[in-house]
Amino acid sequence: WGAATQHPQPPTISLDLDLFTAGGRPWYVPLMVHPL
């Protein structure tokens, strides 16, 4: 979100989805698995 991270510049995909709100912090994407 917003502020640049300290990681090397990654390729990015812009999305118009307000999935989370967190001031500038990176959030890990959950693994796309539906477990039993």
All heavy atoms as atom14 arrays in JSON, in Angstrom:
{
  "sequence": "WGAATQHPQPPTISLDLDLFTAGGRPWYVPLMVHPL",
  "atom14_mask": [
    [1, 1, 1, 1, 1, 1, 1, 1, 1, 1, 1, 1, 1, 1],
    [1, 1, 1, 1, 0, 0, 0, 0, 0, 0, 0, 0, 0, 0],
    [1, 1, 1, 1, 1, 0, 0, 0, 0, 0, 0, 0, 0, 0],
    [1, 1, 1, 1, 1, 0, 0, 0, 0, 0, 0, 0, 0, 0],
    [1, 1, 1, 1, 1, 1, 1, 0, 0, 0, 0, 0, 0, 0],
    [1, 1, 1, 1, 1, 1, 1, 1, 1, 0, 0, 0, 0, 0],
    [1, 1, 1, 1, 1, 1, 1, 1, 1, 1, 0, 0, 0, 0],
    [1, 1, 1, 1, 1, 1, 1, 0, 0, 0, 0, 0, 0, 0],
    [1, 1, 1, 1, 1, 1, 1, 1, 1, 0, 0, 0, 0, 0],
    [1, 1, 1, 1, 1, 1, 1, 0, 0, 0, 0, 0, 0, 0],
    [1, 1, 1, 1, 1, 1, 1, 0, 0, 0, 0, 0, 0, 0],
    [1, 1, 1, 1, 1, 1, 1, 0, 0, 0, 0, 0, 0, 0],
    [1, 1, 1, 1, 1, 1, 1, 1, 0, 0, 0, 0, 0, 0],
    [1, 1, 1, 1, 1, 1, 0, 0, 0, 0, 0, 0, 0, 0],
    [1, 1, 1, 1, 1, 1, 1, 1, 0, 0, 0, 0, 0, 0],
    [1, 1, 1, 1, 1, 1, 1, 1, 0, 0, 0, 0, 0, 0],
    [1, 1, 1, 1, 1, 1, 1, 1, 0, 0, 0, 0, 0, 0],
    [1, 1, 1, 1, 1, 1, 1, 1, 0, 0, 0, 0, 0, 0],
    [1, 1, 1, 1, 1, 1, 1, 1, 0, 0, 0, 0, 0, 0],
    [1, 1, 1, 1, 1, 1, 1, 1, 1, 1, 1, 0, 0, 0],
    [1, 1, 1, 1, 1, 1, 1, 0, 0, 0, 0, 0, 0, 0],
    [1, 1, 1, 1, 1, 0, 0, 0, 0, 0, 0, 0, 0, 0],
    [1, 1, 1, 1, 0, 0, 0, 0, 0, 0, 0, 0, 0, 0],
    [1, 1, 1, 1, 0, 0, 0, 0, 0, 0, 0, 0, 0, 0],
    [1, 1, 1, 1, 1, 1, 1, 1, 1, 1, 1, 0, 0, 0],
    [1, 1, 1, 1, 1, 1, 1, 0, 0, 0, 0, 0, 0, 0],
    [1, 1, 1, 1, 1, 1, 1, 1, 1, 1, 1, 1, 1, 1],
    [1, 1, 1, 1, 1, 1, 1, 1, 1, 1, 1, 1, 0, 0],
    [1, 1, 1, 1, 1, 1, 1, 0, 0, 0, 0, 0, 0, 0],
    [1, 1, 1, 1, 1, 1, 1, 0, 0, 0, 0, 0, 0, 0],
    [1, 1, 1, 1, 1, 1, 1, 1, 0, 0, 0, 0, 0, 0],
    [1, 1, 1, 1, 1, 1, 1, 1, 0, 0, 0, 0, 0, 0],
    [1, 1, 1, 1, 1, 1, 1, 0, 0, 0, 0, 0, 0, 0],
    [1, 1, 1, 1, 1, 1, 1, 1, 1, 1, 0, 0, 0, 0],
    [1, 1, 1, 1, 1, 1, 1, 0, 0, 0, 0, 0, 0, 0],
    [1, 1, 1, 1, 1, 1, 1, 1, 0, 0, 0, 0, 0, 0]
  ],
  "atom14_positions": [
    [[0.84, -1.19, 0.0], [0.0, 0.0, 0.0], [0.88, 1.24, 0.0], [1.8, 1.35, 0.82], [-0.88, 0.05, 1.25], [-2.05, -0.84, 1.2], [-3.31, -0.53, 0.86], [-2.06, -2.23, 1.49], [-4.13, -1.62, 0.92], [-3.39, -2.68, 1.31], [-1.09, -3.14, 1.88], [-3.75, -3.99, 1.51], [-1.47, -4.44, 2.09], [-2.78, -4.85, 1.9]],
    [[0.58, 2.17, -0.88], [1.15, 3.51, -0.81], [2.65, 3.56, -0.81], [3.3, 3.43, -1.84], [0.0, 0.0, 0.0], [0.0, 0.0, 0.0], [0.0, 0.0, 0.0], [0.0, 0.0, 0.0], [0.0, 0.0, 0.0], [0.0, 0.0, 0.0], [0.0, 0.0, 0.0], [0.0, 0.0, 0.0], [0.0, 0.0, 0.0], [0.0, 0.0, 0.0]],
    [[3.23, 3.73, 0.38], [4.66, 3.95, 0.49], [5.45, 2.79, -0.07], [5.09, 1.63, 0.09], [5.02, 4.15, 1.97], [0.0, 0.0, 0.0], [0.0, 0.0, 0.0], [0.0, 0.0, 0.0], [0.0, 0.0, 0.0], [0.0, 0.0, 0.0], [0.0, 0.0, 0.0], [0.0, 0.0, 0.0], [0.0, 0.0, 0.0], [0.0, 0.0, 0.0]],
    [[6.58, 3.1, -0.72], [7.42, 2.06, -1.32], [8.04, 1.2, -0.23], [8.38, 1.69, 0.85], [8.51, 2.7, -2.16], [0.0, 0.0, 0.0], [0.0, 0.0, 0.0], [0.0, 0.0, 0.0], [0.0, 0.0, 0.0], [0.0, 0.0, 0.0], [0.0, 0.0, 0.0], [0.0, 0.0, 0.0], [0.0, 0.0, 0.0], [0.0, 0.0, 0.0]],
    [[8.2, -0.09, -0.49], [8.86, -0.97, 0.47], [10.37, -0.86, 0.27], [10.86, -0.23, -0.67], [8.44, -2.43, 0.22], [8.94, -2.84, -1.04], [6.93, -2.56, 0.24], [0.0, 0.0, 0.0], [0.0, 0.0, 0.0], [0.0, 0.0, 0.0], [0.0, 0.0, 0.0], [0.0, 0.0, 0.0], [0.0, 0.0, 0.0], [0.0, 0.0, 0.0]],
    [[11.13, -1.48, 1.17], [12.58, -1.44, 1.07], [13.11, -2.55, 0.18], [14.3, -2.67, 0.01], [13.18, -1.58, 2.47], [12.82, -0.41, 3.39], [13.4, -0.6, 4.78], [13.97, -1.64, 5.09], [13.27, 0.42, 5.6], [0.0, 0.0, 0.0], [0.0, 0.0, 0.0], [0.0, 0.0, 0.0], [0.0, 0.0, 0.0], [0.0, 0.0, 0.0]],
    [[12.23, -3.37, -0.38], [12.67, -4.44, -1.26], [13.0, -3.88, -2.64], [12.55, -2.8, -3.02], [11.56, -5.49, -1.41], [11.19, -6.12, -0.1], [12.08, -6.84, 0.66], [10.02, -6.11, 0.59], [11.48, -7.26, 1.75], [10.23, -6.83, 1.73], [0.0, 0.0, 0.0], [0.0, 0.0, 0.0], [0.0, 0.0, 0.0], [0.0, 0.0, 0.0]],
    [[13.77, -4.64, -3.44], [14.01, -4.22, -4.82], [12.7, -4.01, -5.55], [11.71, -4.66, -5.28], [14.79, -5.42, -5.4], [15.4, -6.09, -4.23], [14.46, -5.88, -3.08], [0.0, 0.0, 0.0], [0.0, 0.0, 0.0], [0.0, 0.0, 0.0], [0.0, 0.0, 0.0], [0.0, 0.0, 0.0], [0.0, 0.0, 0.0], [0.0, 0.0, 0.0]],
    [[12.69, -3.08, -6.51], [11.46, -2.7, -7.2], [10.88, -3.89, -7.95], [11.5, -4.44, -8.84], [11.8, -1.61, -8.22], [10.57, -0.85, -8.73], [9.89, -0.07, -7.63], [8.9, -0.53, -7.09], [10.41, 1.09, -7.3], [0.0, 0.0, 0.0], [0.0, 0.0, 0.0], [0.0, 0.0, 0.0], [0.0, 0.0, 0.0], [0.0, 0.0, 0.0]],
    [[9.68, -4.38, -7.58], [9.1, -5.54, -8.26], [8.19, -5.12, -9.4], [7.7, -3.99, -9.42], [8.27, -6.18, -7.15], [7.81, -5.01, -6.33], [8.88, -3.96, -6.43], [0.0, 0.0, 0.0], [0.0, 0.0, 0.0], [0.0, 0.0, 0.0], [0.0, 0.0, 0.0], [0.0, 0.0, 0.0], [0.0, 0.0, 0.0], [0.0, 0.0, 0.0]],
    [[7.93, -6.01, -10.33], [6.85, -5.74, -11.28], [5.54, -5.74, -10.52], [5.32, -6.57, -9.65], [6.93, -6.93, -12.25], [7.58, -8.01, -11.47], [8.52, -7.33, -10.51], [0.0, 0.0, 0.0], [0.0, 0.0, 0.0], [0.0, 0.0, 0.0], [0.0, 0.0, 0.0], [0.0, 0.0, 0.0], [0.0, 0.0, 0.0], [0.0, 0.0, 0.0]],
    [[4.65, -4.81, -10.79], [3.41, -4.71, -10.03], [2.2, -4.74, -10.93], [2.27, -4.42, -12.12], [3.37, -3.41, -9.21], [3.47, -2.3, -10.11], [4.51, -3.35, -8.21], [0.0, 0.0, 0.0], [0.0, 0.0, 0.0], [0.0, 0.0, 0.0], [0.0, 0.0, 0.0], [0.0, 0.0, 0.0], [0.0, 0.0, 0.0], [0.0, 0.0, 0.0]],
    [[1.07, -5.17, -10.34], [-0.22, -5.19, -11.04], [-1.16, -4.34, -10.21], [-1.41, -4.65, -9.05], [-0.77, -6.62, -11.16], [0.27, -7.53, -11.83], [-2.09, -6.62, -11.92], [-0.1, -8.99, -11.77], [0.0, 0.0, 0.0], [0.0, 0.0, 0.0], [0.0, 0.0, 0.0], [0.0, 0.0, 0.0], [0.0, 0.0, 0.0], [0.0, 0.0, 0.0]],
    [[-1.68, -3.28, -10.79], [-2.59, -2.42, -10.05], [-3.98, -3.04, -10.0], [-4.48, -3.55, -10.99], [-2.68, -1.04, -10.71], [-1.43, -0.39, -10.61], [0.0, 0.0, 0.0], [0.0, 0.0, 0.0], [0.0, 0.0, 0.0], [0.0, 0.0, 0.0], [0.0, 0.0, 0.0], [0.0, 0.0, 0.0], [0.0, 0.0, 0.0], [0.0, 0.0, 0.0]],
    [[-4.58, -3.01, -8.81], [-5.92, -3.54, -8.62], [-6.8, -2.47, -7.99], [-6.33, -1.67, -7.19], [-5.91, -4.77, -7.69], [-5.15, -6.0, -8.18], [-5.21, -7.07, -7.11], [-5.74, -6.52, -9.48], [0.0, 0.0, 0.0], [0.0, 0.0, 0.0], [0.0, 0.0, 0.0], [0.0, 0.0, 0.0], [0.0, 0.0, 0.0], [0.0, 0.0, 0.0]],
    [[-8.06, -2.47, -8.35], [-9.01, -1.53, -7.76], [-9.85, -2.22, -6.69], [-11.04, -1.98, -6.56], [-9.94, -0.96, -8.85], [-9.19, -0.12, -9.85], [-8.22, 0.53, -9.42], [-9.56, -0.12, -11.03], [0.0, 0.0, 0.0], [0.0, 0.0, 0.0], [0.0, 0.0, 0.0], [0.0, 0.0, 0.0], [0.0, 0.0, 0.0], [0.0, 0.0, 0.0]],
    [[-9.21, -3.11, -5.92], [-9.91, -3.85, -4.88], [-9.42, -3.4, -3.52], [-8.22, -3.43, -3.25], [-9.65, -5.37, -5.04], [-10.09, -5.98, -6.36], [-9.67, -7.45, -6.39], [-11.59, -5.86, -6.54], [0.0, 0.0, 0.0], [0.0, 0.0, 0.0], [0.0, 0.0, 0.0], [0.0, 0.0, 0.0], [0.0, 0.0, 0.0], [0.0, 0.0, 0.0]],
    [[-10.33, -2.98, -2.69], [-9.98, -2.58, -1.34], [-10.09, -3.8, -0.43], [-11.04, -3.96, 0.31], [-10.92, -1.47, -0.87], [-10.49, -0.93, 0.49], [-9.34, -1.16, 0.88], [-11.33, -0.3, 1.15], [0.0, 0.0, 0.0], [0.0, 0.0, 0.0], [0.0, 0.0, 0.0], [0.0, 0.0, 0.0], [0.0, 0.0, 0.0], [0.0, 0.0, 0.0]],
    [[-9.06, -4.69, -0.53], [-9.13, -5.95, 0.2], [-8.79, -5.78, 1.67], [-9.37, -6.42, 2.53], [-8.16, -6.96, -0.42], [-8.43, -7.33, -1.87], [-7.39, -8.34, -2.35], [-9.82, -7.91, -2.03], [0.0, 0.0, 0.0], [0.0, 0.0, 0.0], [0.0, 0.0, 0.0], [0.0, 0.0, 0.0], [0.0, 0.0, 0.0], [0.0, 0.0, 0.0]],
    [[-7.81, -4.93, 1.96], [-7.37, -4.75, 3.33], [-7.08, -3.28, 3.55], [-6.96, -2.5, 2.61], [-6.07, -5.54, 3.62], [-6.18, -7.0, 3.35], [-5.7, -7.52, 2.16], [-6.74, -7.84, 4.29], [-5.8, -8.87, 1.92], [-6.83, -9.19, 4.04], [-6.36, -9.7, 2.86], [0.0, 0.0, 0.0], [0.0, 0.0, 0.0], [0.0, 0.0, 0.0]],
    [[-6.92, -2.86, 4.79], [-6.44, -1.52, 5.09], [-5.3, -1.67, 6.07], [-5.46, -2.2, 7.16], [-7.54, -0.65, 5.73], [-8.04, -1.31, 6.88], [-8.68, -0.4, 4.75], [0.0, 0.0, 0.0], [0.0, 0.0, 0.0], [0.0, 0.0, 0.0], [0.0, 0.0, 0.0], [0.0, 0.0, 0.0], [0.0, 0.0, 0.0], [0.0, 0.0, 0.0]],
    [[-4.13, -1.25, 5.68], [-2.95, -1.31, 6.53], [-1.97, -0.27, 6.04], [-1.51, -0.34, 4.91], [-2.33, -2.7, 6.49], [0.0, 0.0, 0.0], [0.0, 0.0, 0.0], [0.0, 0.0, 0.0], [0.0, 0.0, 0.0], [0.0, 0.0, 0.0], [0.0, 0.0, 0.0], [0.0, 0.0, 0.0], [0.0, 0.0, 0.0], [0.0, 0.0, 0.0]],
    [[-1.65, 0.7, 6.87], [-0.84, 1.84, 6.44], [0.53, 1.48, 5.93], [1.5, 1.44, 6.69], [0.0, 0.0, 0.0], [0.0, 0.0, 0.0], [0.0, 0.0, 0.0], [0.0, 0.0, 0.0], [0.0, 0.0, 0.0], [0.0, 0.0, 0.0], [0.0, 0.0, 0.0], [0.0, 0.0, 0.0], [0.0, 0.0, 0.0], [0.0, 0.0, 0.0]],
    [[0.64, 1.25, 4.64], [1.93, 1.04, 4.01], [2.58, -0.29, 4.29], [3.7, -0.53, 3.85], [0.0, 0.0, 0.0], [0.0, 0.0, 0.0], [0.0, 0.0, 0.0], [0.0, 0.0, 0.0], [0.0, 0.0, 0.0], [0.0, 0.0, 0.0], [0.0, 0.0, 0.0], [0.0, 0.0, 0.0], [0.0, 0.0, 0.0], [0.0, 0.0, 0.0]],
    [[1.91, -1.2, 5.01], [2.56, -2.47, 5.36], [2.29, -3.52, 4.3], [1.19, -3.58, 3.75], [2.02, -2.98, 6.71], [2.41, -2.12, 7.89], [1.92, -2.76, 9.17], [0.47, -2.93, 9.17], [-0.18, -3.68, 10.05], [0.48, -4.35, 10.96], [-1.5, -3.77, 10.01], [0.0, 0.0, 0.0], [0.0, 0.0, 0.0], [0.0, 0.0, 0.0]],
    [[3.28, -4.4, 4.0], [3.02, -5.5, 3.05], [2.23, -6.6, 3.72], [2.43, -6.9, 4.89], [4.44, -5.98, 2.69], [5.25, -5.64, 3.88], [4.66, -4.37, 4.48], [0.0, 0.0, 0.0], [0.0, 0.0, 0.0], [0.0, 0.0, 0.0], [0.0, 0.0, 0.0], [0.0, 0.0, 0.0], [0.0, 0.0, 0.0], [0.0, 0.0, 0.0]],
    [[1.34, -7.2, 2.97], [0.55, -8.34, 3.44], [0.82, -9.52, 2.52], [0.78, -9.38, 1.3], [-0.94, -8.03, 3.41], [-1.39, -7.18, 4.55], [-0.96, -5.92, 4.87], [-2.35, -7.53, 5.54], [-1.6, -5.46, 5.98], [-2.46, -6.43, 6.41], [-3.14, -8.66, 5.76], [-3.33, -6.41, 7.5], [-4.0, -8.65, 6.84], [-4.08, -7.54, 7.7]],
    [[1.07, -10.7, 3.11], [1.3, -11.88, 2.29], [-0.03, -12.41, 1.74], [-1.03, -12.44, 2.42], [1.99, -12.97, 3.1], [3.44, -12.67, 3.34], [3.84, -11.92, 4.44], [4.4, -13.09, 2.43], [5.18, -11.64, 4.64], [5.73, -12.8, 2.62], [6.13, -12.08, 3.73], [7.44, -11.78, 3.92], [0.0, 0.0, 0.0], [0.0, 0.0, 0.0]],
    [[0.0, -12.84, 0.49], [-1.18, -13.43, -0.13], [-1.35, -14.86, 0.39], [-0.41, -15.64, 0.37], [-1.02, -13.46, -1.66], [-2.23, -14.11, -2.32], [-0.82, -12.05, -2.19], [0.0, 0.0, 0.0], [0.0, 0.0, 0.0], [0.0, 0.0, 0.0], [0.0, 0.0, 0.0], [0.0, 0.0, 0.0], [0.0, 0.0, 0.0], [0.0, 0.0, 0.0]],
    [[-2.53, -15.25, 0.88], [-2.73, -16.63, 1.33], [-2.56, -17.62, 0.17], [-2.87, -17.29, -0.97], [-4.18, -16.65, 1.83], [-4.56, -15.22, 1.99], [-3.73, -14.44, 1.02], [0.0, 0.0, 0.0], [0.0, 0.0, 0.0], [0.0, 0.0, 0.0], [0.0, 0.0, 0.0], [0.0, 0.0, 0.0], [0.0, 0.0, 0.0], [0.0, 0.0, 0.0]],
    [[-2.04, -18.79, 0.47], [-1.94, -19.83, -0.55], [-3.34, -20.21, -1.02], [-4.26, -20.34, -0.22], [-1.25, -21.06, 0.03], [0.21, -20.89, 0.44], [0.71, -22.16, 1.11], [1.08, -20.54, -0.75], [0.0, 0.0, 0.0], [0.0, 0.0, 0.0], [0.0, 0.0, 0.0], [0.0, 0.0, 0.0], [0.0, 0.0, 0.0], [0.0, 0.0, 0.0]],
    [[-3.51, -20.38, -2.33], [-4.83, -20.68, -2.89], [-5.11, -22.17, -2.77], [-5.05, -22.92, -3.74], [-4.9, -20.2, -4.33], [-4.63, -18.71, -4.48], [-5.69, -17.69, -3.42], [-7.27, -17.95, -4.19], [0.0, 0.0, 0.0], [0.0, 0.0, 0.0], [0.0, 0.0, 0.0], [0.0, 0.0, 0.0], [0.0, 0.0, 0.0], [0.0, 0.0, 0.0]],
    [[-5.37, -22.6, -1.55], [-5.65, -24.0, -1.26], [-6.91, -24.04, -0.4], [-7.1, -23.22, 0.49], [-4.47, -24.65, -0.49], [-4.84, -26.05, -0.03], [-3.22, -24.68, -1.34], [0.0, 0.0, 0.0], [0.0, 0.0, 0.0], [0.0, 0.0, 0.0], [0.0, 0.0, 0.0], [0.0, 0.0, 0.0], [0.0, 0.0, 0.0], [0.0, 0.0, 0.0]],
    [[-7.79, -25.01, -0.71], [-8.99, -25.21, 0.11], [-8.84, -26.57, 0.77], [-9.12, -27.61, 0.16], [-10.24, -25.17, -0.77], [-11.52, -25.21, 0.0], [-11.72, -24.49, 1.16], [-12.67, -25.91, -0.2], [-12.93, -24.72, 1.63], [-13.52, -25.59, 0.82], [0.0, 0.0, 0.0], [0.0, 0.0, 0.0], [0.0, 0.0, 0.0], [0.0, 0.0, 0.0]],
    [[-8.35, -26.61, 2.02], [-7.98, -27.88, 2.64], [-9.1, -28.53, 3.45], [-10.04, -27.87, 3.91], [-6.82, -27.49, 3.55], [-7.15, -26.09, 3.97], [-7.9, -25.46, 2.83], [0.0, 0.0, 0.0], [0.0, 0.0, 0.0], [0.0, 0.0, 0.0], [0.0, 0.0, 0.0], [0.0, 0.0, 0.0], [0.0, 0.0, 0.0], [0.0, 0.0, 0.0]],
    [[-8.94, -29.83, 3.64], [-9.82, -30.64, 4.48], [-9.0, -31.24, 5.61], [-7.93, -31.8, 5.38], [-10.45, -31.75, 3.64], [-11.13, -32.9, 4.4], [-12.35, -32.4, 5.16], [-11.5, -34.03, 3.44], [0.0, 0.0, 0.0], [0.0, 0.0, 0.0], [0.0, 0.0, 0.0], [0.0, 0.0, 0.0], [0.0, 0.0, 0.0], [0.0, 0.0, 0.0]]
  ]
}
